[in-house]
């Protein structure tokens, strides 16, 4: 093993992460709504992930009955 090679995952992360690049900073907002009606209980999850470096926003929704 050469002196410049990390020995474990923690050392690799401290040396710049798995891919050696700049970290990506994101803001995640999650909204959960539980609704009960004659059809039963529905659990809706809405998630918004915004990349603060690029401004890109990704929305995802899930519905569980």
Protein backbone atom coordinates (compact mmCIF):
# COMPACT_ATOMS: atom_id res chain seq x y z
CA UNK A 1 0.00 0.00 0.00
CA UNK A 2 1.44 3.37 -0.94
CA UNK A 3 1.55 6.23 1.55
CA UNK A 4 -1.03 8.23 -0.49
CA UNK A 5 -3.70 5.50 -0.46
CA UNK A 6 -6.46 5.75 2.18
CA UNK A 7 -6.75 2.61 4.32
CA UNK A 8 -10.47 2.75 5.07
CA UNK A 9 -13.73 4.46 4.13
CA UNK A 10 -13.39 7.14 6.84
CA UNK A 11 -9.97 8.10 5.53
CA UNK A 12 -11.33 8.16 1.96
CA UNK A 13 -14.21 10.42 3.03
CA UNK A 14 -11.83 12.75 4.86
CA UNK A 15 -9.68 12.91 1.73
CA UNK A 16 -12.51 14.24 -0.44
CA UNK A 17 -15.16 11.55 -0.54
CA UNK A 18 -15.63 8.45 -2.64
CA UNK A 19 -15.27 10.31 -5.93
CA UNK A 20 -12.81 12.96 -4.76
CA UNK A 21 -14.99 15.89 -5.83
CA UNK A 22 -16.65 18.82 -4.15
CA UNK A 23 -19.61 17.91 -1.90
CA UNK A 24 -23.11 18.64 -3.19
CA UNK A 25 -25.25 20.74 -0.83
CA UNK A 26 -28.99 20.05 -1.02
CA UNK A 27 -32.05 21.28 0.86
CA UNK A 28 -34.76 18.67 1.44
CA UNK A 29 -38.35 19.52 2.37
CA UNK A 30 -40.76 16.70 3.23
CA UNK A 31 -44.52 17.05 3.72
CA UNK A 32 -46.60 14.17 5.07
CA UNK A 33 -50.39 14.09 5.07
CA UNK A 34 -52.48 11.32 6.62
CA UNK A 35 -56.14 11.28 5.59
CA UNK A 36 -58.86 9.02 6.95
CA UNK A 37 -62.14 8.64 5.06
CA UNK A 38 -64.66 5.94 4.16
CA UNK A 39 -62.05 4.27 1.91
CA UNK A 40 -59.59 3.89 4.81
CA UNK A 41 -56.35 5.65 5.69
CA UNK A 42 -54.12 7.25 3.05
CA UNK A 43 -50.56 8.40 3.76
CA UNK A 44 -49.18 10.88 1.21
CA UNK A 45 -45.51 11.90 1.23
CA UNK A 46 -44.29 14.83 -0.88
CA UNK A 47 -40.57 15.53 -1.04
CA UNK A 48 -38.72 18.45 -2.65
CA UNK A 49 -34.94 18.27 -3.04
CA UNK A 50 -33.19 21.47 -4.13
CA UNK A 51 -29.55 21.44 -5.21
CA UNK A 52 -28.27 24.70 -3.73
CA UNK A 53 -25.31 24.79 -6.11
CA UNK A 54 -27.27 24.53 -9.36
CA UNK A 55 -30.76 25.54 -8.26
CA UNK A 56 -32.21 22.31 -9.70
CA UNK A 57 -35.36 21.12 -7.89
CA UNK A 58 -36.62 17.53 -7.92
CA UNK A 59 -40.12 16.66 -6.67
CA UNK A 60 -41.30 13.20 -5.67
CA UNK A 61 -44.61 11.97 -4.29
CA UNK A 62 -45.68 8.69 -2.75
CA UNK A 63 -49.13 7.47 -1.76
CA UNK A 64 -49.67 4.58 0.63
CA UNK A 65 -53.11 3.12 1.31
